[in-house]
Amino acid sequence: MPHNITKSLMTPSPSLLSKRNAHRSGGFSLIEILFVIGLIALLLTLVVGNIGGIFGGQQEKVADIFVKQTVKLGVVPYKLDMGNYPTTEQGLEALLKAPAGKEGKWKGPYLEELPMDPWDNPYRYRFPGSKNINGAKGYDVWSLGSDGVESADDIGNW
């Protein structure tokens, strides 16, 4: 009998063996893990490399919204209070700070701030305008676009 007890202690039970095998088959091998890490690194490289292309077209949209909609939110109330749009010399700064000699009528600021365009250039302003749909009765606001010079890629309220 003592011989049977030692034999049973030295050989693992079938249930213990099946638990070990079940545990091993449930995990991932080192090669599988490295393969997945390699795929993730490849995908990240592709995505990061194309981020400029994904968001690049949005700069024109941002400039277009500013010149056609956002500026109007400040310029129209300014005209109602002051009787006319800011002059070219006063520029869009007149929406933030009262022009000299007009402090009594000015009820601004009409905009919180004047942002730079998406290419880090100031927006341009002209009154009376020449390109907008109202002609000399209206004002021109534009961005010089990605090239930073007056050219065909300018984005304006016309």
N, C-alpha and C. Protein backbone atom coordinates (compact mmCIF):
# COMPACT_ATOMS: atom_id res chain seq x y z
N MET A 1 0.77 -1.20 0.00
CA MET A 1 0.00 0.00 0.00
C MET A 1 0.82 1.27 0.00
N PRO A 2 1.90 1.31 0.74
CA PRO A 2 2.68 2.52 0.70
C PRO A 2 3.16 2.82 -0.71
N HIS A 3 3.33 1.76 -1.48
CA HIS A 3 3.80 1.94 -2.83
C HIS A 3 2.75 2.69 -3.68
N ASN A 4 1.50 2.45 -3.48
CA ASN A 4 0.42 3.11 -4.22
C ASN A 4 0.30 4.59 -3.87
N ILE A 5 0.54 4.92 -2.64
CA ILE A 5 0.44 6.31 -2.20
C ILE A 5 1.53 7.14 -2.86
N THR A 6 2.76 6.63 -2.88
CA THR A 6 3.85 7.38 -3.51
C THR A 6 3.62 7.52 -5.00
N LYS A 7 3.11 6.47 -5.60
CA LYS A 7 2.87 6.52 -7.03
C LYS A 7 1.81 7.58 -7.35
N SER A 8 0.78 7.65 -6.55
CA SER A 8 -0.29 8.62 -6.81
C SER A 8 0.17 10.05 -6.55
N LEU A 9 1.10 10.26 -5.66
CA LEU A 9 1.61 11.61 -5.40
C LEU A 9 2.55 12.08 -6.51
N MET A 10 3.24 11.17 -7.14
CA MET A 10 4.22 11.54 -8.15
C MET A 10 3.61 11.75 -9.53
N THR A 11 2.55 11.12 -9.85
CA THR A 11 1.93 11.30 -11.16
C THR A 11 0.77 12.27 -11.03
N PRO A 12 0.77 13.25 -11.87
CA PRO A 12 -0.32 14.21 -11.78
C PRO A 12 -1.64 13.60 -12.21
N SER A 13 -2.67 14.11 -11.61
CA SER A 13 -4.00 13.59 -11.94
C SER A 13 -4.41 14.08 -13.32
N PRO A 14 -5.29 13.36 -14.00
CA PRO A 14 -5.73 13.78 -15.33
C PRO A 14 -6.41 15.14 -15.33
N SER A 15 -7.10 15.48 -14.25
CA SER A 15 -7.78 16.78 -14.21
C SER A 15 -6.76 17.92 -14.14
N LEU A 16 -5.62 17.70 -13.45
CA LEU A 16 -4.58 18.71 -13.37
C LEU A 16 -3.92 18.92 -14.73
N LEU A 17 -3.68 17.84 -15.47
CA LEU A 17 -3.11 17.94 -16.81
C LEU A 17 -4.04 18.68 -17.75
N SER A 18 -5.30 18.38 -17.69
CA SER A 18 -6.25 19.05 -18.60
C SER A 18 -6.37 20.54 -18.26
N LYS A 19 -6.21 20.91 -17.01
CA LYS A 19 -6.25 22.33 -16.64
C LYS A 19 -5.04 23.07 -17.19
N ARG A 20 -3.85 22.42 -17.13
CA ARG A 20 -2.65 23.04 -17.67
C ARG A 20 -2.78 23.24 -19.18
N ASN A 21 -3.24 22.24 -19.87
CA ASN A 21 -3.39 22.32 -21.32
C ASN A 21 -4.44 23.36 -21.70
N ALA A 22 -5.51 23.43 -20.94
CA ALA A 22 -6.56 24.42 -21.22
C ALA A 22 -6.02 25.82 -21.00
N HIS A 23 -5.18 25.99 -19.99
CA HIS A 23 -4.60 27.29 -19.72
C HIS A 23 -3.66 27.72 -20.85
N ARG A 24 -2.86 26.80 -21.33
CA ARG A 24 -1.92 27.11 -22.41
C ARG A 24 -2.64 27.42 -23.70
N SER A 25 -3.67 26.72 -24.01
CA SER A 25 -4.36 26.94 -25.29
C SER A 25 -5.16 28.23 -25.26
N GLY A 26 -5.42 28.81 -24.12
CA GLY A 26 -6.19 30.04 -24.03
C GLY A 26 -5.36 31.30 -24.21
N GLY A 27 -4.05 31.25 -24.14
CA GLY A 27 -3.19 32.43 -24.25
C GLY A 27 -2.64 32.60 -25.65
N PHE A 28 -1.86 33.68 -25.83
CA PHE A 28 -1.23 33.97 -27.12
C PHE A 28 0.26 33.68 -27.02
N SER A 29 0.81 33.22 -28.11
CA SER A 29 2.25 32.98 -28.13
C SER A 29 2.98 34.31 -28.35
N LEU A 30 4.25 34.31 -28.09
CA LEU A 30 5.06 35.51 -28.26
C LEU A 30 5.04 35.96 -29.72
N ILE A 31 5.06 35.05 -30.64
CA ILE A 31 5.05 35.39 -32.07
C ILE A 31 3.73 36.08 -32.44
N GLU A 32 2.63 35.58 -31.93
CA GLU A 32 1.34 36.20 -32.22
C GLU A 32 1.27 37.62 -31.67
N ILE A 33 1.77 37.82 -30.48
CA ILE A 33 1.77 39.16 -29.87
C ILE A 33 2.65 40.11 -30.67
N LEU A 34 3.83 39.67 -31.07
CA LEU A 34 4.72 40.51 -31.87
C LEU A 34 4.11 40.84 -33.23
N PHE A 35 3.41 39.90 -33.83
CA PHE A 35 2.75 40.13 -35.10
C PHE A 35 1.68 41.23 -34.97
N VAL A 36 0.88 41.17 -33.94
CA VAL A 36 -0.17 42.18 -33.72
C VAL A 36 0.45 43.54 -33.45
N ILE A 37 1.51 43.61 -32.67
CA ILE A 37 2.19 44.88 -32.41
C ILE A 37 2.74 45.46 -33.70
N GLY A 38 3.29 44.60 -34.55
CA GLY A 38 3.80 45.05 -35.84
C GLY A 38 2.69 45.61 -36.73
N LEU A 39 1.53 44.97 -36.75
CA LEU A 39 0.39 45.48 -37.52
C LEU A 39 -0.09 46.84 -37.00
N ILE A 40 -0.18 46.97 -35.70
CA ILE A 40 -0.60 48.24 -35.11
C ILE A 40 0.39 49.34 -35.45
N ALA A 41 1.68 49.05 -35.38
CA ALA A 41 2.70 50.05 -35.73
C ALA A 41 2.59 50.45 -37.19
N LEU A 42 2.32 49.50 -38.07
CA LEU A 42 2.16 49.80 -39.49
C LEU A 42 0.94 50.69 -39.73
N LEU A 43 -0.17 50.38 -39.09
CA LEU A 43 -1.38 51.20 -39.23
C LEU A 43 -1.16 52.61 -38.69
N LEU A 44 -0.51 52.74 -37.55
CA LEU A 44 -0.25 54.06 -36.99
C LEU A 44 0.64 54.89 -37.91
N THR A 45 1.62 54.25 -38.53
CA THR A 45 2.50 54.95 -39.46
C THR A 45 1.70 55.49 -40.64
N LEU A 46 0.79 54.68 -41.17
CA LEU A 46 -0.03 55.12 -42.30
C LEU A 46 -0.95 56.27 -41.91
N VAL A 47 -1.58 56.17 -40.74
CA VAL A 47 -2.52 57.21 -40.30
C VAL A 47 -1.79 58.52 -40.03
N VAL A 48 -0.69 58.47 -39.30
CA VAL A 48 0.05 59.69 -38.97
C VAL A 48 0.60 60.33 -40.24
N GLY A 49 1.03 59.54 -41.18
CA GLY A 49 1.54 60.07 -42.44
C GLY A 49 0.49 60.77 -43.27
N ASN A 50 -0.78 60.40 -43.11
CA ASN A 50 -1.85 60.98 -43.92
C ASN A 50 -2.68 62.02 -43.18
N ILE A 51 -2.31 62.37 -41.97
CA ILE A 51 -3.10 63.34 -41.21
C ILE A 51 -3.18 64.67 -41.92
N GLY A 52 -2.10 65.12 -42.52
CA GLY A 52 -2.13 66.38 -43.25
C GLY A 52 -3.14 66.34 -44.38
N GLY A 53 -3.21 65.24 -45.08
CA GLY A 53 -4.17 65.09 -46.17
C GLY A 53 -5.60 65.04 -45.69
N ILE A 54 -5.81 64.45 -44.52
CA ILE A 54 -7.16 64.33 -43.99
C ILE A 54 -7.70 65.69 -43.57
N PHE A 55 -6.88 66.50 -42.89
CA PHE A 55 -7.34 67.78 -42.38
C PHE A 55 -6.94 68.98 -43.24
N GLY A 56 -6.16 68.78 -44.26
CA GLY A 56 -5.65 69.87 -45.08
C GLY A 56 -6.74 70.72 -45.72
N GLY A 57 -7.79 70.12 -46.22
CA GLY A 57 -8.86 70.85 -46.88
C GLY A 57 -9.71 71.67 -45.93
N GLN A 58 -9.57 71.44 -44.65
CA GLN A 58 -10.39 72.15 -43.67
C GLN A 58 -9.95 73.60 -43.49
N GLN A 59 -8.71 73.92 -43.83
CA GLN A 59 -8.23 75.29 -43.65
C GLN A 59 -9.01 76.25 -44.53
N GLU A 60 -9.28 75.86 -45.76
CA GLU A 60 -10.06 76.71 -46.66
C GLU A 60 -11.48 76.91 -46.13
N LYS A 61 -12.06 75.86 -45.55
CA LYS A 61 -13.41 75.96 -44.99
C LYS A 61 -13.44 76.92 -43.81
N VAL A 62 -12.43 76.84 -42.95
CA VAL A 62 -12.36 77.73 -41.78
C VAL A 62 -12.29 79.18 -42.24
N ALA A 63 -11.42 79.47 -43.20
CA ALA A 63 -11.28 80.84 -43.71
C ALA A 63 -12.58 81.30 -44.36
N ASP A 64 -13.22 80.43 -45.12
CA ASP A 64 -14.47 80.77 -45.81
C ASP A 64 -15.57 81.11 -44.80
N ILE A 65 -15.68 80.33 -43.74
CA ILE A 65 -16.69 80.59 -42.71
C ILE A 65 -16.42 81.93 -42.03
N PHE A 66 -15.15 82.23 -41.75
CA PHE A 66 -14.84 83.49 -41.10
C PHE A 66 -15.22 84.68 -41.98
N VAL A 67 -14.80 84.68 -43.25
CA VAL A 67 -15.02 85.85 -44.10
C VAL A 67 -16.48 86.01 -44.52
N LYS A 68 -17.24 84.92 -44.57
CA LYS A 68 -18.63 85.01 -45.02
C LYS A 68 -19.65 85.07 -43.90
N GLN A 69 -19.30 84.57 -42.71
CA GLN A 69 -20.29 84.52 -41.65
C GLN A 69 -19.84 85.20 -40.36
N THR A 70 -18.68 84.83 -39.85
CA THR A 70 -18.25 85.32 -38.54
C THR A 70 -18.07 86.83 -38.53
N VAL A 71 -17.41 87.38 -39.54
CA VAL A 71 -17.19 88.83 -39.58
C VAL A 71 -18.51 89.57 -39.64
N LYS A 72 -19.46 89.01 -40.33
CA LYS A 72 -20.78 89.65 -40.46
C LYS A 72 -21.43 89.83 -39.09
N LEU A 73 -21.17 88.90 -38.16
CA LEU A 73 -21.73 89.01 -36.82
C LEU A 73 -21.24 90.25 -36.08
N GLY A 74 -20.08 90.76 -36.44
CA GLY A 74 -19.57 91.97 -35.81
C GLY A 74 -19.79 93.22 -36.65
N VAL A 75 -19.69 93.10 -37.96
CA VAL A 75 -19.76 94.26 -38.85
C VAL A 75 -21.18 94.83 -38.93
N VAL A 76 -22.18 93.97 -38.97
CA VAL A 76 -23.57 94.46 -39.09
C VAL A 76 -24.00 95.26 -37.86
N PRO A 77 -23.80 94.76 -36.63
CA PRO A 77 -24.15 95.59 -35.46
C PRO A 77 -23.32 96.88 -35.40
N TYR A 78 -22.05 96.82 -35.84
CA TYR A 78 -21.22 98.03 -35.88
C TYR A 78 -21.87 99.06 -36.79
N LYS A 79 -22.31 98.64 -37.97
CA LYS A 79 -22.94 99.57 -38.91
C LYS A 79 -24.23 100.15 -38.32
N LEU A 80 -25.00 99.32 -37.64
CA LEU A 80 -26.24 99.82 -37.03
C LEU A 80 -25.95 100.89 -35.97
N ASP A 81 -24.91 100.69 -35.16
CA ASP A 81 -24.56 101.66 -34.11
C ASP A 81 -23.87 102.90 -34.68
N MET A 82 -22.97 102.71 -35.64
CA MET A 82 -22.11 103.79 -36.11
C MET A 82 -22.62 104.47 -37.38
N GLY A 83 -23.55 103.83 -38.09
CA GLY A 83 -24.08 104.43 -39.31
C GLY A 83 -23.38 103.98 -40.57
N ASN A 84 -22.25 103.32 -40.45
CA ASN A 84 -21.52 102.83 -41.62
C ASN A 84 -20.55 101.74 -41.17
N TYR A 85 -20.02 101.02 -42.15
CA TYR A 85 -19.00 100.02 -41.85
C TYR A 85 -17.70 100.72 -41.48
N PRO A 86 -16.80 100.01 -40.81
CA PRO A 86 -15.48 100.61 -40.54
C PRO A 86 -14.78 100.94 -41.85
N THR A 87 -14.01 102.02 -41.85
CA THR A 87 -13.25 102.38 -43.05
C THR A 87 -12.09 101.40 -43.24
N THR A 88 -11.49 101.45 -44.40
CA THR A 88 -10.32 100.60 -44.65
C THR A 88 -9.22 100.92 -43.65
N GLU A 89 -9.03 102.19 -43.35
CA GLU A 89 -7.98 102.59 -42.40
C GLU A 89 -8.28 102.07 -40.99
N GLN A 90 -9.55 102.11 -40.57
CA GLN A 90 -9.91 101.61 -39.25
C GLN A 90 -9.78 100.09 -39.20
N GLY A 91 -10.14 99.46 -40.29
CA GLY A 91 -10.03 98.01 -40.41
C GLY A 91 -10.91 97.26 -39.43
N LEU A 92 -10.68 95.99 -39.35
CA LEU A 92 -11.48 95.13 -38.46
C LEU A 92 -11.18 95.41 -36.99
N GLU A 93 -10.09 96.10 -36.71
CA GLU A 93 -9.77 96.46 -35.32
C GLU A 93 -10.85 97.35 -34.71
N ALA A 94 -11.62 98.06 -35.57
CA ALA A 94 -12.71 98.91 -35.09
C ALA A 94 -13.81 98.08 -34.43
N LEU A 95 -13.82 96.78 -34.68
CA LEU A 95 -14.80 95.91 -34.04
C LEU A 95 -14.40 95.56 -32.61
N LEU A 96 -13.13 95.77 -32.29
CA LEU A 96 -12.62 95.46 -30.96
C LEU A 96 -12.43 96.68 -30.08
N LYS A 97 -12.06 97.80 -30.71
CA LYS A 97 -11.75 99.03 -29.98
C LYS A 97 -12.35 100.21 -30.73
N ALA A 98 -12.94 101.14 -30.00
CA ALA A 98 -13.60 102.29 -30.63
C ALA A 98 -12.61 103.11 -31.44
N PRO A 99 -12.96 103.46 -32.67
CA PRO A 99 -12.10 104.34 -33.46
C PRO A 99 -12.00 105.72 -32.81
N ALA A 100 -10.91 106.39 -33.03
CA ALA A 100 -10.69 107.72 -32.44
C ALA A 100 -11.81 108.67 -32.85
N GLY A 101 -12.37 109.36 -31.87
CA GLY A 101 -13.43 110.34 -32.10
C GLY A 101 -14.81 109.72 -32.21
N LYS A 102 -14.94 108.42 -32.14
CA LYS A 102 -16.24 107.75 -32.28
C LYS A 102 -16.65 107.02 -31.00
N GLU A 103 -15.98 107.28 -29.91
CA GLU A 103 -16.23 106.55 -28.67
C GLU A 103 -17.67 106.66 -28.17
N GLY A 104 -18.34 107.80 -28.41
CA GLY A 104 -19.70 108.01 -27.93
C GLY A 104 -20.72 107.11 -28.58
N LYS A 105 -20.57 106.82 -29.86
CA LYS A 105 -21.52 105.98 -30.57
C LYS A 105 -21.17 104.49 -30.49
N TRP A 106 -19.92 104.20 -30.27
CA TRP A 106 -19.43 102.82 -30.31
C TRP A 106 -19.95 102.04 -29.11
N LYS A 107 -20.57 100.88 -29.35
CA LYS A 107 -21.13 100.07 -28.26
C LYS A 107 -20.51 98.67 -28.22
N GLY A 108 -19.30 98.57 -28.71
CA GLY A 108 -18.63 97.26 -28.81
C GLY A 108 -17.97 96.84 -27.52
N PRO A 109 -17.18 95.85 -27.54
CA PRO A 109 -16.63 95.20 -28.73
C PRO A 109 -17.67 94.33 -29.44
N TYR A 110 -17.54 94.27 -30.75
CA TYR A 110 -18.48 93.55 -31.59
C TYR A 110 -18.01 92.13 -31.87
N LEU A 111 -16.74 91.86 -31.68
CA LEU A 111 -16.17 90.51 -31.73
C LEU A 111 -15.27 90.35 -30.52
N GLU A 112 -15.10 89.12 -30.05
CA GLU A 112 -14.22 88.87 -28.91
C GLU A 112 -12.75 89.06 -29.28
N GLU A 113 -12.39 88.62 -30.48
CA GLU A 113 -11.01 88.74 -30.93
C GLU A 113 -10.98 88.66 -32.45
N LEU A 114 -9.88 89.10 -33.02
CA LEU A 114 -9.65 88.95 -34.45
C LEU A 114 -8.62 87.84 -34.64
N PRO A 115 -9.07 86.69 -35.08
CA PRO A 115 -8.11 85.61 -35.25
C PRO A 115 -7.26 85.81 -36.50
N MET A 116 -6.17 85.11 -36.56
CA MET A 116 -5.36 85.05 -37.77
C MET A 116 -6.02 84.00 -38.66
N ASP A 117 -5.75 84.07 -39.96
CA ASP A 117 -6.31 83.05 -40.84
C ASP A 117 -5.59 81.71 -40.59
N PRO A 118 -6.06 80.62 -41.16
CA PRO A 118 -5.46 79.31 -40.88
C PRO A 118 -3.98 79.21 -41.26
N TRP A 119 -3.46 80.15 -42.05
CA TRP A 119 -2.05 80.13 -42.44
C TRP A 119 -1.25 81.16 -41.65
N ASP A 120 -1.85 81.64 -40.56
CA ASP A 120 -1.22 82.56 -39.62
C ASP A 120 -0.94 83.94 -40.22
N ASN A 121 -1.82 84.39 -41.12
CA ASN A 121 -1.75 85.74 -41.70
C ASN A 121 -3.00 86.50 -41.26
N PRO A 122 -2.92 87.83 -41.14
CA PRO A 122 -4.12 88.58 -40.77
C PRO A 122 -5.13 88.59 -41.93
N TYR A 123 -6.41 88.62 -41.57
CA TYR A 123 -7.46 88.77 -42.58
C TYR A 123 -7.39 90.19 -43.12
N ARG A 124 -7.72 90.38 -44.38
CA ARG A 124 -7.70 91.69 -45.03
C ARG A 124 -9.11 92.25 -45.06
N TYR A 125 -9.20 93.59 -45.02
CA TYR A 125 -10.50 94.27 -45.00
C TYR A 125 -10.42 95.52 -45.86
N ARG A 126 -11.54 95.80 -46.58
CA ARG A 126 -11.60 97.02 -47.40
C ARG A 126 -13.05 97.51 -47.44
N PHE A 127 -13.23 98.82 -47.17
CA PHE A 127 -14.53 99.48 -47.34
C PHE A 127 -14.29 100.87 -47.91
N PRO A 128 -14.95 101.22 -48.97
CA PRO A 128 -15.96 100.43 -49.68
C PRO A 128 -15.31 99.28 -50.43
N GLY A 129 -16.08 98.21 -50.56
CA GLY A 129 -15.58 97.01 -51.21
C GLY A 129 -15.65 97.11 -52.72
N SER A 130 -14.99 96.20 -53.37
CA SER A 130 -15.03 96.17 -54.84
C SER A 130 -15.33 94.78 -55.38
N LYS A 131 -15.16 93.75 -54.58
CA LYS A 131 -15.37 92.39 -55.07
C LYS A 131 -16.62 91.71 -54.53
N ASN A 132 -17.15 92.18 -53.41
CA ASN A 132 -18.31 91.52 -52.80
C ASN A 132 -19.56 91.75 -53.65
N ILE A 133 -20.63 91.05 -53.35
CA ILE A 133 -21.84 91.13 -54.18
C ILE A 133 -22.54 92.48 -54.08
N ASN A 134 -22.26 93.27 -53.05
CA ASN A 134 -22.88 94.58 -52.91
C ASN A 134 -22.02 95.70 -53.48
N GLY A 135 -20.86 95.37 -53.98
CA GLY A 135 -19.98 96.38 -54.57
C GLY A 135 -19.56 97.44 -53.58
N ALA A 136 -19.66 98.71 -53.98
CA ALA A 136 -19.21 99.83 -53.15
C ALA A 136 -20.07 100.02 -51.90
N LYS A 137 -21.27 99.45 -51.87
CA LYS A 137 -22.13 99.55 -50.68
C LYS A 137 -21.68 98.59 -49.59
N GLY A 138 -20.94 97.58 -49.96
CA GLY A 138 -20.52 96.56 -49.01
C GLY A 138 -19.04 96.64 -48.70
N TYR A 139 -18.55 95.63 -48.05
CA TYR A 139 -17.15 95.56 -47.63
C TYR A 139 -16.54 94.26 -48.15
N ASP A 140 -15.25 94.26 -48.31
CA ASP A 140 -14.51 93.06 -48.70
C ASP A 140 -13.71 92.58 -47.50
N VAL A 141 -13.81 91.30 -47.20
CA VAL A 141 -12.97 90.65 -46.20
C VAL A 141 -12.41 89.41 -46.87
N TRP A 142 -11.09 89.20 -46.74
CA TRP A 142 -10.51 88.03 -47.39
C TRP A 142 -9.25 87.56 -46.69
N SER A 143 -8.94 86.32 -46.98
CA SER A 143 -7.68 85.71 -46.55
C SER A 143 -6.83 85.56 -47.80
N LEU A 144 -5.54 85.73 -47.66
CA LEU A 144 -4.63 85.58 -48.80
C LEU A 144 -4.42 84.12 -49.18
N GLY A 145 -4.97 83.21 -48.42
CA GLY A 145 -4.85 81.79 -48.74
C GLY A 145 -3.51 81.21 -48.36
N SER A 146 -3.28 80.01 -48.84
CA SER A 146 -2.08 79.28 -48.43
C SER A 146 -0.78 79.89 -48.93
N ASP A 147 -0.82 80.63 -50.05
CA ASP A 147 0.43 81.20 -50.58
C ASP A 147 0.81 82.53 -49.92
N GLY A 148 -0.12 83.16 -49.18
CA GLY A 148 0.18 84.39 -48.46
C GLY A 148 0.30 85.64 -49.31
N VAL A 149 -0.06 85.57 -50.59
CA VAL A 149 -0.03 86.74 -51.47
C VAL A 149 -1.37 86.85 -52.19
N GLU A 150 -1.71 88.06 -52.62
CA GLU A 150 -2.95 88.26 -53.33
C GLU A 150 -2.89 87.52 -54.67
N SER A 151 -3.79 86.56 -54.84
CA SER A 151 -3.79 85.74 -56.05
C SER A 151 -5.14 85.04 -56.19
N ALA A 152 -5.22 84.13 -57.11
CA ALA A 152 -6.50 83.45 -57.40
C ALA A 152 -6.96 82.56 -56.25
N ASP A 153 -6.07 82.16 -55.35
CA ASP A 153 -6.51 81.29 -54.26
C ASP A 153 -7.03 82.05 -53.04
N ASP A 154 -7.16 83.38 -53.13
CA ASP A 154 -7.69 84.15 -52.02
C ASP A 154 -9.11 83.71 -51.70
N ILE A 155 -9.43 83.74 -50.41
CA ILE A 155 -10.76 83.31 -49.95
C ILE A 155 -11.45 84.55 -49.40
N GLY A 156 -12.51 84.99 -50.07
CA GLY A 156 -13.17 86.23 -49.67
C GLY A 156 -14.67 86.10 -49.57
N ASN A 157 -15.29 87.19 -49.18
CA ASN A 157 -16.76 87.23 -49.04
C ASN A 157 -17.43 87.56 -50.36
N TRP A 158 -16.83 87.19 -51.44
CA TRP A 158 -17.42 87.43 -52.76
C TRP A 158 -17.73 86.13 -53.46
